[in-house]
């Protein structure tokens, strides 16, 4: 008959509940954002940094590709995914590139669906990461051929670092990043530091 009032203030129980409360306020898709953070924590080093590459099963993937592939099964039973497979089959039939062998045709359809899902997944991932960066739960930069270039591309790939409340997702005992003396930033490619 009488119910306790639902608190809308900050969580009082622990780090995880505080993180969930923060995600509920900062993200348009808090469950998806939590899955992204959890996957990043799974491959992060002791400082909470993940990327630019992830090695799994003897293969190496970019962090973004690995995240998209890891999140893809969540929509496997979605009617839109089933409709996408039908569209892919129709497209392959129309272009005459669908193999006549049933097993080869199924593999070709699956591969094309995976590529299309990965492409749209990167858009969803970018939105979620941008929200997490704005909330102070994640830091993003790019590493590769042209490190920290103002433009994307240049054979550079995303690196994400958990920060703030999101660090509670790291395994217990993970090291805290050492403070830089004098608050100086790390050197970037092509920059010489004189002591």
N, C-alpha and C. Protein backbone atom coordinates (compact mmCIF):
# COMPACT_ATOMS: atom_id res chain seq x y z
N UNK A 1 0.82 -1.18 0.00
CA UNK A 1 0.00 0.00 0.00
C UNK A 1 0.87 1.25 0.00
N UNK A 2 1.80 1.31 0.94
CA UNK A 2 2.71 2.45 0.97
C UNK A 2 4.03 2.02 0.38
N UNK A 3 4.55 2.83 -0.51
CA UNK A 3 5.81 2.51 -1.18
C UNK A 3 6.84 3.56 -0.82
N UNK A 4 8.06 3.11 -0.73
CA UNK A 4 9.14 4.06 -0.47
C UNK A 4 9.30 4.95 -1.70
N UNK A 5 9.57 6.23 -1.48
CA UNK A 5 9.74 7.13 -2.63
C UNK A 5 10.97 6.73 -3.43
N UNK A 6 10.88 6.88 -4.73
CA UNK A 6 12.00 6.59 -5.61
C UNK A 6 12.92 7.80 -5.61
N UNK A 7 14.17 7.55 -5.29
CA UNK A 7 15.14 8.64 -5.24
C UNK A 7 15.60 8.98 -6.64
N UNK A 8 15.61 10.26 -6.97
CA UNK A 8 16.13 10.70 -8.27
C UNK A 8 17.49 11.37 -8.11
N UNK A 9 17.98 11.38 -6.90
CA UNK A 9 19.30 11.99 -6.64
C UNK A 9 20.41 11.02 -6.96
N UNK A 10 21.66 11.41 -6.71
CA UNK A 10 22.78 10.53 -7.00
C UNK A 10 22.73 9.25 -6.17
N UNK A 11 23.25 8.19 -6.75
CA UNK A 11 23.24 6.91 -6.06
C UNK A 11 24.10 6.97 -4.81
N UNK A 12 23.62 6.28 -3.76
CA UNK A 12 24.32 6.33 -2.48
C UNK A 12 25.00 5.01 -2.13
N UNK A 13 24.82 3.96 -2.95
CA UNK A 13 25.26 2.63 -2.55
C UNK A 13 26.72 2.32 -2.86
N UNK A 14 27.15 2.50 -4.06
CA UNK A 14 28.51 2.14 -4.41
C UNK A 14 28.89 2.68 -5.77
N UNK A 15 30.09 2.31 -6.17
CA UNK A 15 30.62 2.83 -7.43
C UNK A 15 29.78 2.42 -8.63
N UNK A 16 29.40 1.15 -8.68
CA UNK A 16 28.64 0.66 -9.84
C UNK A 16 27.28 1.33 -9.94
N UNK A 17 26.58 1.45 -8.82
CA UNK A 17 25.26 2.11 -8.87
C UNK A 17 25.41 3.59 -9.23
N UNK A 18 26.48 4.22 -8.77
CA UNK A 18 26.72 5.62 -9.15
C UNK A 18 27.00 5.74 -10.64
N UNK A 19 27.75 4.78 -11.20
CA UNK A 19 28.02 4.77 -12.64
C UNK A 19 26.72 4.60 -13.41
N UNK A 20 25.88 3.66 -12.99
CA UNK A 20 24.62 3.42 -13.68
C UNK A 20 23.71 4.65 -13.63
N UNK A 21 23.70 5.31 -12.48
CA UNK A 21 22.91 6.54 -12.35
C UNK A 21 23.43 7.61 -13.30
N UNK A 22 24.75 7.72 -13.39
CA UNK A 22 25.36 8.72 -14.28
C UNK A 22 25.04 8.41 -15.74
N UNK A 23 25.09 7.13 -16.12
CA UNK A 23 24.77 6.74 -17.49
C UNK A 23 23.32 7.03 -17.82
N UNK A 24 22.43 6.79 -16.86
CA UNK A 24 21.01 7.05 -17.08
C UNK A 24 20.75 8.52 -17.38
N UNK A 25 21.57 9.39 -16.78
CA UNK A 25 21.39 10.82 -16.99
C UNK A 25 22.14 11.34 -18.22
N UNK A 26 23.28 10.73 -18.55
CA UNK A 26 24.15 11.28 -19.59
C UNK A 26 23.93 10.68 -20.97
N UNK A 27 23.31 9.51 -21.05
CA UNK A 27 23.23 8.81 -22.32
C UNK A 27 21.79 8.66 -22.79
N UNK A 28 21.61 8.73 -24.10
CA UNK A 28 20.30 8.49 -24.68
C UNK A 28 20.01 6.99 -24.74
N UNK A 29 21.08 6.17 -24.68
CA UNK A 29 20.94 4.71 -24.68
C UNK A 29 21.84 4.14 -23.58
N UNK A 30 21.42 4.27 -22.31
CA UNK A 30 22.31 3.90 -21.21
C UNK A 30 22.73 2.43 -21.20
N UNK A 31 21.86 1.52 -21.60
CA UNK A 31 22.25 0.09 -21.61
C UNK A 31 23.35 -0.16 -22.64
N UNK A 32 23.20 0.43 -23.81
CA UNK A 32 24.20 0.30 -24.85
C UNK A 32 25.52 0.93 -24.39
N UNK A 33 25.44 2.10 -23.78
CA UNK A 33 26.65 2.77 -23.28
C UNK A 33 27.35 1.93 -22.22
N UNK A 34 26.58 1.27 -21.36
CA UNK A 34 27.18 0.40 -20.35
C UNK A 34 27.88 -0.79 -20.99
N UNK A 35 27.26 -1.37 -22.03
CA UNK A 35 27.91 -2.48 -22.74
C UNK A 35 29.21 -2.02 -23.38
N UNK A 36 29.21 -0.82 -23.96
CA UNK A 36 30.44 -0.28 -24.57
C UNK A 36 31.53 -0.13 -23.52
N UNK A 37 31.19 0.47 -22.39
CA UNK A 37 32.17 0.64 -21.32
C UNK A 37 32.68 -0.71 -20.80
N UNK A 38 31.79 -1.68 -20.66
CA UNK A 38 32.19 -3.00 -20.16
C UNK A 38 33.15 -3.68 -21.13
N UNK A 39 32.88 -3.58 -22.42
CA UNK A 39 33.78 -4.19 -23.41
C UNK A 39 35.13 -3.49 -23.44
N UNK A 40 35.13 -2.17 -23.30
CA UNK A 40 36.39 -1.44 -23.26
C UNK A 40 37.19 -1.88 -22.04
N UNK A 41 36.52 -2.03 -20.90
CA UNK A 41 37.20 -2.47 -19.68
C UNK A 41 37.77 -3.87 -19.84
N UNK A 42 37.10 -4.71 -20.62
CA UNK A 42 37.56 -6.08 -20.84
C UNK A 42 38.92 -6.14 -21.53
N UNK A 43 39.18 -5.19 -22.43
CA UNK A 43 40.44 -5.23 -23.19
C UNK A 43 41.42 -4.13 -22.76
N UNK A 44 41.05 -3.36 -21.74
CA UNK A 44 41.90 -2.25 -21.30
C UNK A 44 43.10 -2.77 -20.53
N UNK A 45 44.17 -1.99 -20.56
CA UNK A 45 45.36 -2.33 -19.77
C UNK A 45 45.16 -1.82 -18.34
N UNK A 46 46.19 -1.90 -17.54
CA UNK A 46 46.11 -1.50 -16.14
C UNK A 46 45.80 -0.03 -15.93
N UNK A 47 46.06 0.79 -16.95
CA UNK A 47 45.76 2.23 -16.85
C UNK A 47 44.36 2.56 -17.34
N UNK A 48 43.65 1.52 -17.82
CA UNK A 48 42.30 1.76 -18.33
C UNK A 48 42.26 2.14 -19.79
N UNK A 49 43.38 2.00 -20.51
CA UNK A 49 43.45 2.35 -21.93
C UNK A 49 43.26 1.12 -22.80
N UNK A 50 42.47 1.27 -23.85
CA UNK A 50 42.22 0.19 -24.79
C UNK A 50 42.46 0.69 -26.21
N UNK A 51 43.13 -0.13 -27.01
CA UNK A 51 43.34 0.21 -28.41
C UNK A 51 44.75 0.64 -28.68
N UNK A 52 45.09 0.95 -29.87
CA UNK A 52 44.23 0.99 -31.06
C UNK A 52 43.89 -0.39 -31.62
N UNK A 53 44.58 -1.44 -31.16
CA UNK A 53 44.30 -2.78 -31.68
C UNK A 53 43.95 -3.74 -30.55
N UNK A 54 43.15 -4.75 -30.89
CA UNK A 54 42.75 -5.80 -29.96
C UNK A 54 43.11 -7.12 -30.62
N UNK A 55 43.80 -7.98 -29.87
CA UNK A 55 44.16 -9.30 -30.39
C UNK A 55 43.25 -10.34 -29.74
N UNK A 56 42.54 -11.09 -30.60
CA UNK A 56 41.65 -12.14 -30.13
C UNK A 56 41.77 -13.33 -31.06
N UNK A 57 41.99 -14.50 -30.48
CA UNK A 57 42.02 -15.73 -31.27
C UNK A 57 43.06 -15.72 -32.38
N UNK A 58 44.21 -15.14 -32.12
CA UNK A 58 45.26 -15.11 -33.12
C UNK A 58 45.06 -14.06 -34.20
N UNK A 59 43.99 -13.30 -34.12
CA UNK A 59 43.74 -12.24 -35.10
C UNK A 59 43.83 -10.88 -34.41
N UNK A 60 44.12 -9.86 -35.21
CA UNK A 60 44.21 -8.50 -34.68
C UNK A 60 43.13 -7.65 -35.36
N UNK A 61 42.39 -6.90 -34.56
CA UNK A 61 41.33 -6.04 -35.04
C UNK A 61 41.57 -4.63 -34.54
N UNK A 62 41.03 -3.64 -35.24
CA UNK A 62 41.03 -2.30 -34.66
C UNK A 62 40.03 -2.33 -33.51
N UNK A 63 40.21 -1.47 -32.54
CA UNK A 63 39.32 -1.45 -31.38
C UNK A 63 37.88 -1.21 -31.79
N UNK A 64 37.66 -0.27 -32.71
CA UNK A 64 36.28 0.02 -33.13
C UNK A 64 35.65 -1.17 -33.84
N UNK A 65 36.39 -1.86 -34.71
CA UNK A 65 35.84 -3.03 -35.38
C UNK A 65 35.51 -4.12 -34.37
N UNK A 66 36.41 -4.32 -33.41
CA UNK A 66 36.17 -5.35 -32.40
C UNK A 66 34.94 -5.02 -31.56
N UNK A 67 34.81 -3.75 -31.17
CA UNK A 67 33.63 -3.36 -30.39
C UNK A 67 32.35 -3.58 -31.19
N UNK A 68 32.34 -3.18 -32.45
CA UNK A 68 31.15 -3.36 -33.29
C UNK A 68 30.81 -4.83 -33.46
N UNK A 69 31.83 -5.66 -33.71
CA UNK A 69 31.58 -7.09 -33.87
C UNK A 69 31.09 -7.72 -32.56
N UNK A 70 31.62 -7.25 -31.44
CA UNK A 70 31.21 -7.79 -30.14
C UNK A 70 29.78 -7.41 -29.79
N UNK A 71 29.34 -6.23 -30.23
CA UNK A 71 27.99 -5.76 -29.93
C UNK A 71 26.95 -6.28 -30.93
N UNK A 72 27.40 -6.74 -32.10
CA UNK A 72 26.49 -7.16 -33.17
C UNK A 72 25.51 -8.26 -32.75
N UNK A 73 25.91 -9.27 -31.98
CA UNK A 73 24.94 -10.33 -31.63
C UNK A 73 23.73 -9.82 -30.85
N UNK A 74 23.83 -8.65 -30.23
CA UNK A 74 22.71 -8.12 -29.45
C UNK A 74 21.48 -7.87 -30.33
N UNK A 75 21.69 -7.64 -31.63
CA UNK A 75 20.57 -7.38 -32.53
C UNK A 75 20.25 -8.55 -33.43
N UNK A 76 20.75 -9.74 -33.11
CA UNK A 76 20.59 -10.90 -33.98
C UNK A 76 19.15 -11.30 -34.25
N UNK A 77 18.27 -11.12 -33.28
CA UNK A 77 16.86 -11.50 -33.46
C UNK A 77 15.99 -10.30 -33.82
N UNK A 78 16.62 -9.16 -34.01
CA UNK A 78 15.89 -7.95 -34.37
C UNK A 78 15.26 -8.14 -35.76
N UNK A 79 13.98 -7.81 -35.91
CA UNK A 79 13.35 -7.95 -37.23
C UNK A 79 14.08 -7.17 -38.32
N UNK A 80 14.71 -6.05 -37.94
CA UNK A 80 15.45 -5.28 -38.95
C UNK A 80 16.66 -6.05 -39.45
N UNK A 81 17.32 -6.84 -38.58
CA UNK A 81 18.46 -7.64 -38.99
C UNK A 81 18.01 -8.74 -39.95
N UNK A 82 16.87 -9.35 -39.67
CA UNK A 82 16.33 -10.39 -40.54
C UNK A 82 15.97 -9.79 -41.90
N UNK A 83 15.35 -8.60 -41.89
CA UNK A 83 15.01 -7.93 -43.14
C UNK A 83 16.27 -7.55 -43.92
N UNK A 84 17.34 -7.16 -43.19
CA UNK A 84 18.60 -6.83 -43.85
C UNK A 84 19.15 -8.04 -44.59
N UNK A 85 19.09 -9.21 -43.97
CA UNK A 85 19.58 -10.43 -44.62
C UNK A 85 18.79 -10.71 -45.90
N UNK A 86 17.50 -10.46 -45.87
CA UNK A 86 16.68 -10.66 -47.07
C UNK A 86 17.05 -9.65 -48.16
N UNK A 87 17.31 -8.39 -47.77
CA UNK A 87 17.72 -7.38 -48.75
C UNK A 87 19.08 -7.72 -49.35
N UNK A 88 20.00 -8.19 -48.51
CA UNK A 88 21.33 -8.58 -49.00
C UNK A 88 21.20 -9.71 -50.01
N UNK A 89 20.36 -10.70 -49.70
CA UNK A 89 20.16 -11.83 -50.62
C UNK A 89 19.60 -11.34 -51.95
N UNK A 90 18.62 -10.43 -51.88
CA UNK A 90 18.04 -9.87 -53.11
C UNK A 90 19.08 -9.08 -53.91
N UNK A 91 19.92 -8.30 -53.19
CA UNK A 91 20.97 -7.52 -53.87
C UNK A 91 21.97 -8.43 -54.56
N UNK A 92 22.37 -9.51 -53.89
CA UNK A 92 23.34 -10.44 -54.48
C UNK A 92 22.73 -11.18 -55.67
N UNK A 93 21.45 -11.52 -55.58
CA UNK A 93 20.77 -12.14 -56.72
C UNK A 93 20.68 -11.18 -57.89
N UNK A 94 20.35 -9.91 -57.61
CA UNK A 94 20.20 -8.91 -58.67
C UNK A 94 21.52 -8.65 -59.40
N UNK A 95 22.63 -8.68 -58.65
CA UNK A 95 23.93 -8.43 -59.28
C UNK A 95 24.56 -9.70 -59.84
N UNK A 96 23.93 -10.85 -59.58
CA UNK A 96 24.45 -12.12 -60.07
C UNK A 96 25.68 -12.61 -59.35
N UNK A 97 25.90 -12.13 -58.11
CA UNK A 97 27.09 -12.52 -57.35
C UNK A 97 26.78 -13.54 -56.25
N UNK A 98 25.54 -14.02 -56.19
CA UNK A 98 25.18 -15.02 -55.18
C UNK A 98 25.64 -16.39 -55.69
N UNK A 99 26.51 -17.07 -54.94
CA UNK A 99 26.99 -18.39 -55.38
C UNK A 99 25.84 -19.39 -55.49
N UNK A 100 25.93 -20.32 -56.44
CA UNK A 100 24.86 -21.31 -56.60
C UNK A 100 24.82 -22.34 -55.46
N UNK A 101 25.95 -22.62 -54.85
CA UNK A 101 26.01 -23.57 -53.74
C UNK A 101 25.32 -22.97 -52.52
N UNK A 102 24.47 -23.73 -51.87
CA UNK A 102 23.68 -23.24 -50.74
C UNK A 102 24.57 -22.77 -49.59
N UNK A 103 25.57 -23.56 -49.23
CA UNK A 103 26.47 -23.19 -48.12
C UNK A 103 27.28 -21.95 -48.46
N UNK A 104 27.78 -21.87 -49.70
CA UNK A 104 28.56 -20.70 -50.12
C UNK A 104 27.67 -19.46 -50.18
N UNK A 105 26.41 -19.64 -50.60
CA UNK A 105 25.47 -18.51 -50.65
C UNK A 105 25.19 -17.99 -49.25
N UNK A 106 24.97 -18.91 -48.31
CA UNK A 106 24.71 -18.50 -46.92
C UNK A 106 25.91 -17.77 -46.34
N UNK A 107 27.12 -18.24 -46.65
CA UNK A 107 28.34 -17.58 -46.16
C UNK A 107 28.49 -16.19 -46.78
N UNK A 108 28.19 -16.06 -48.07
CA UNK A 108 28.29 -14.75 -48.74
C UNK A 108 27.29 -13.76 -48.15
N UNK A 109 26.07 -14.24 -47.90
CA UNK A 109 25.04 -13.37 -47.30
C UNK A 109 25.47 -12.95 -45.90
N UNK A 110 25.95 -13.90 -45.10
CA UNK A 110 26.39 -13.60 -43.73
C UNK A 110 27.53 -12.59 -43.71
N UNK A 111 28.48 -12.75 -44.63
CA UNK A 111 29.62 -11.82 -44.69
C UNK A 111 29.16 -10.41 -45.05
N UNK A 112 28.27 -10.29 -46.01
CA UNK A 112 27.78 -8.97 -46.41
C UNK A 112 26.94 -8.34 -45.30
N UNK A 113 26.12 -9.14 -44.63
CA UNK A 113 25.34 -8.62 -43.49
C UNK A 113 26.28 -8.14 -42.41
N UNK A 114 27.34 -8.91 -42.12
CA UNK A 114 28.31 -8.51 -41.08
C UNK A 114 28.97 -7.18 -41.43
N UNK A 115 29.33 -6.99 -42.70
CA UNK A 115 29.96 -5.74 -43.11
C UNK A 115 29.00 -4.56 -42.98
N UNK A 116 27.75 -4.76 -43.36
CA UNK A 116 26.77 -3.67 -43.25
C UNK A 116 26.45 -3.35 -41.80
N UNK A 117 26.34 -4.40 -40.98
CA UNK A 117 26.07 -4.19 -39.55
C UNK A 117 27.25 -3.47 -38.90
N UNK A 118 28.48 -3.84 -39.28
CA UNK A 118 29.67 -3.18 -38.73
C UNK A 118 29.68 -1.70 -39.11
N UNK A 119 29.33 -1.39 -40.36
CA UNK A 119 29.32 0.01 -40.81
C UNK A 119 28.31 0.83 -40.02
N UNK A 120 27.09 0.30 -39.85
CA UNK A 120 26.09 1.06 -39.08
C UNK A 120 26.44 1.04 -37.59
N UNK A 121 27.08 -0.04 -37.13
CA UNK A 121 27.49 -0.12 -35.73
C UNK A 121 28.50 0.94 -35.36
N UNK A 122 29.37 1.30 -36.32
CA UNK A 122 30.36 2.33 -36.04
C UNK A 122 29.69 3.68 -35.80
N UNK A 123 28.60 3.93 -36.48
CA UNK A 123 27.85 5.18 -36.25
C UNK A 123 27.28 5.18 -34.84
N UNK A 124 26.64 4.07 -34.44
CA UNK A 124 26.08 3.96 -33.09
C UNK A 124 27.18 4.07 -32.04
N UNK A 125 28.30 3.42 -32.30
CA UNK A 125 29.43 3.45 -31.37
C UNK A 125 29.96 4.87 -31.20
N UNK A 126 30.10 5.59 -32.31
CA UNK A 126 30.61 6.96 -32.24
C UNK A 126 29.70 7.85 -31.41
N UNK A 127 28.38 7.69 -31.59
CA UNK A 127 27.44 8.48 -30.79
C UNK A 127 27.57 8.17 -29.30
N UNK A 128 27.64 6.88 -28.98
CA UNK A 128 27.75 6.48 -27.58
C UNK A 128 29.05 6.97 -26.97
N UNK A 129 30.15 6.84 -27.71
CA UNK A 129 31.44 7.29 -27.20
C UNK A 129 31.43 8.80 -27.00
N UNK A 130 30.85 9.54 -27.91
CA UNK A 130 30.77 11.00 -27.75
C UNK A 130 30.01 11.37 -26.48
N UNK A 131 28.91 10.68 -26.20
CA UNK A 131 28.17 10.94 -24.96
C UNK A 131 29.01 10.60 -23.73
N UNK A 132 29.75 9.49 -23.80
CA UNK A 132 30.58 9.08 -22.67
C UNK A 132 31.73 10.05 -22.46
N UNK A 133 32.29 10.59 -23.53
CA UNK A 133 33.35 11.59 -23.41
C UNK A 133 32.79 12.85 -22.75
N UNK A 134 31.62 13.29 -23.21
CA UNK A 134 31.01 14.49 -22.63
C UNK A 134 30.67 14.30 -21.15
N UNK A 135 30.35 13.07 -20.77
CA UNK A 135 30.01 12.79 -19.37
C UNK A 135 31.25 12.62 -18.50
N UNK A 136 32.44 12.60 -19.12
CA UNK A 136 33.67 12.46 -18.35
C UNK A 136 33.98 11.02 -17.97
N UNK A 137 33.37 10.06 -18.66
CA UNK A 137 33.59 8.65 -18.35
C UNK A 137 34.63 8.00 -19.27
N UNK A 138 34.94 8.67 -20.34
CA UNK A 138 35.83 8.12 -21.34
C UNK A 138 36.66 9.24 -21.95
N UNK A 139 37.89 8.91 -22.30
CA UNK A 139 38.75 9.83 -23.03
C UNK A 139 39.07 9.16 -24.34
N UNK A 140 39.08 9.92 -25.45
CA UNK A 140 39.29 9.37 -26.77
C UNK A 140 40.41 10.13 -27.47
N UNK A 141 41.27 9.38 -28.14
CA UNK A 141 42.27 9.99 -29.01
C UNK A 141 42.61 8.99 -30.09
N UNK A 142 43.49 9.36 -30.98
CA UNK A 142 43.80 8.51 -32.12
C UNK A 142 45.29 8.22 -32.15
N UNK A 143 45.63 7.00 -32.52
CA UNK A 143 47.03 6.58 -32.58
C UNK A 143 47.26 5.87 -33.90
N UNK A 144 48.48 5.92 -34.37
CA UNK A 144 48.82 5.24 -35.61
C UNK A 144 49.87 6.03 -36.35
N UNK A 145 49.75 6.07 -37.66
CA UNK A 145 50.76 6.70 -38.50
C UNK A 145 50.95 8.18 -38.17
N UNK A 146 49.87 8.92 -38.04
CA UNK A 146 49.94 10.34 -37.71
C UNK A 146 49.23 10.54 -36.38
N UNK A 147 49.96 10.45 -35.28
CA UNK A 147 49.37 10.48 -33.95
C UNK A 147 48.82 11.86 -33.63
N UNK A 148 47.62 11.87 -33.07
CA UNK A 148 46.95 13.09 -32.60
C UNK A 148 46.89 14.18 -33.67
N UNK A 149 46.70 13.78 -34.92
CA UNK A 149 46.52 14.74 -36.00
C UNK A 149 45.13 15.34 -35.87
N UNK A 150 44.96 16.61 -36.25
CA UNK A 150 43.67 17.27 -36.07
C UNK A 150 42.59 16.68 -36.98
N UNK A 151 42.99 16.00 -38.01
CA UNK A 151 42.08 15.37 -38.95
C UNK A 151 42.00 13.88 -38.69
N UNK A 152 40.86 13.28 -38.94
CA UNK A 152 40.77 11.83 -38.82
C UNK A 152 41.39 11.20 -40.05
N UNK A 153 41.68 9.92 -39.98
CA UNK A 153 42.29 9.23 -41.10
C UNK A 153 43.78 9.11 -40.89
N UNK A 154 44.56 9.06 -41.95
CA UNK A 154 46.01 8.97 -41.83
C UNK A 154 46.45 7.69 -41.15
N UNK A 155 45.73 6.58 -41.40
CA UNK A 155 46.04 5.28 -40.80
C UNK A 155 46.06 5.35 -39.28
N UNK A 156 45.16 6.15 -38.72
CA UNK A 156 45.07 6.27 -37.28
C UNK A 156 43.82 5.58 -36.80
N UNK A 157 43.88 5.07 -35.60
CA UNK A 157 42.76 4.32 -35.05
C UNK A 157 42.47 4.81 -33.64
N UNK A 158 41.22 4.64 -33.23
CA UNK A 158 40.77 5.15 -31.94
C UNK A 158 41.41 4.39 -30.78
N UNK A 159 41.70 5.16 -29.74
CA UNK A 159 42.14 4.63 -28.45
C UNK A 159 41.19 5.24 -27.42
N UNK A 160 40.68 4.41 -26.53
CA UNK A 160 39.77 4.88 -25.49
C UNK A 160 40.36 4.58 -24.13
N UNK A 161 40.15 5.50 -23.20
CA UNK A 161 40.62 5.30 -21.82
C UNK A 161 39.46 5.57 -20.86
N UNK A 162 39.22 4.61 -19.99
CA UNK A 162 38.19 4.78 -18.97
C UNK A 162 38.67 5.81 -17.96
N UNK A 163 37.77 6.66 -17.53
CA UNK A 163 38.12 7.64 -16.50
C UNK A 163 36.91 7.90 -15.62
N UNK A 164 37.17 8.57 -14.53
CA UNK A 164 36.10 8.89 -13.59
C UNK A 164 35.45 7.63 -13.03
N UNK A 165 34.14 7.67 -12.91
CA UNK A 165 33.40 6.55 -12.32
C UNK A 165 33.52 5.27 -13.15
N UNK A 166 33.80 5.38 -14.44
CA UNK A 166 33.89 4.20 -15.31
C UNK A 166 35.07 3.30 -14.93
N UNK A 167 36.02 3.82 -14.17
CA UNK A 167 37.17 3.00 -13.77
C UNK A 167 36.77 1.88 -12.81
N UNK A 168 35.57 1.94 -12.27
CA UNK A 168 35.11 0.84 -11.39
C UNK A 168 34.91 -0.44 -12.18
N UNK A 169 34.86 -0.37 -13.51
CA UNK A 169 34.70 -1.56 -14.34
C UNK A 169 36.01 -2.32 -14.52
N UNK A 170 37.12 -1.67 -14.22
CA UNK A 170 38.43 -2.33 -14.33
C UNK A 170 38.57 -3.36 -13.23
N UNK A 171 39.34 -4.42 -13.49
CA UNK A 171 39.55 -5.42 -12.43
C UNK A 171 40.18 -4.78 -11.21
N UNK A 172 39.83 -5.28 -10.06
CA UNK A 172 40.41 -4.76 -8.81
C UNK A 172 41.92 -4.92 -8.88
N UNK A 173 42.63 -3.93 -8.39
CA UNK A 173 44.09 -3.97 -8.38
C UNK A 173 44.70 -3.36 -9.63
N UNK A 174 43.86 -2.84 -10.57
CA UNK A 174 44.42 -2.20 -11.76
C UNK A 174 45.18 -0.96 -11.32
N UNK A 175 46.29 -0.73 -11.96
CA UNK A 175 47.13 0.39 -11.54
C UNK A 175 46.51 1.71 -11.95
N UNK A 176 46.83 2.72 -11.20
CA UNK A 176 46.39 4.07 -11.49
C UNK A 176 47.46 4.72 -12.35
N UNK A 177 47.08 5.45 -13.41
CA UNK A 177 48.10 6.05 -14.26
C UNK A 177 48.98 7.01 -13.47
N UNK A 178 50.29 6.95 -13.70
CA UNK A 178 51.16 7.85 -12.97
C UNK A 178 50.95 9.29 -13.39
N UNK A 179 51.05 10.18 -12.44
CA UNK A 179 50.90 11.61 -12.73
C UNK A 179 52.13 12.10 -13.47
N UNK A 180 51.92 12.95 -14.44
CA UNK A 180 53.03 13.52 -15.19
C UNK A 180 53.61 14.67 -14.39
N UNK A 181 54.94 14.74 -14.26
CA UNK A 181 55.51 15.84 -13.50
C UNK A 181 55.19 17.18 -14.14
N UNK A 182 54.76 18.08 -13.31
CA UNK A 182 54.48 19.44 -13.80
C UNK A 182 53.24 19.52 -14.67
N UNK A 183 52.47 18.43 -14.77
CA UNK A 183 51.25 18.45 -15.56
C UNK A 183 51.50 18.55 -17.06
N UNK A 184 52.72 18.20 -17.52
CA UNK A 184 53.00 18.30 -18.95
C UNK A 184 52.35 17.16 -19.69
N UNK A 185 51.98 17.43 -20.95
CA UNK A 185 51.36 16.39 -21.76
C UNK A 185 52.42 15.45 -22.33
N UNK A 186 51.97 14.27 -22.72
CA UNK A 186 52.88 13.30 -23.31
C UNK A 186 53.33 13.80 -24.68
N UNK A 187 54.55 13.47 -25.11
CA UNK A 187 54.99 13.93 -26.44
C UNK A 187 54.21 13.21 -27.53
N UNK A 188 54.03 13.90 -28.64
CA UNK A 188 53.37 13.31 -29.78
C UNK A 188 54.40 13.03 -30.86
N UNK A 189 54.03 12.25 -31.85
CA UNK A 189 54.96 11.87 -32.91
C UNK A 189 55.57 13.10 -33.56
N UNK A 190 56.88 13.05 -33.78
CA UNK A 190 57.56 14.15 -34.43
C UNK A 190 57.97 15.27 -33.50
N UNK A 191 57.72 15.11 -32.22
CA UNK A 191 58.06 16.15 -31.26
C UNK A 191 59.23 15.66 -30.40
N UNK A 192 60.21 16.51 -30.25
CA UNK A 192 61.35 16.18 -29.40
C UNK A 192 61.19 16.88 -28.07
N UNK A 193 61.52 16.20 -27.02
CA UNK A 193 61.44 16.80 -25.70
C UNK A 193 62.85 17.01 -25.19
N UNK A 194 63.11 18.23 -24.79
CA UNK A 194 64.42 18.57 -24.22
C UNK A 194 64.28 18.68 -22.71
N UNK A 195 65.17 18.03 -22.00
CA UNK A 195 65.08 18.05 -20.54
C UNK A 195 65.94 19.15 -19.98
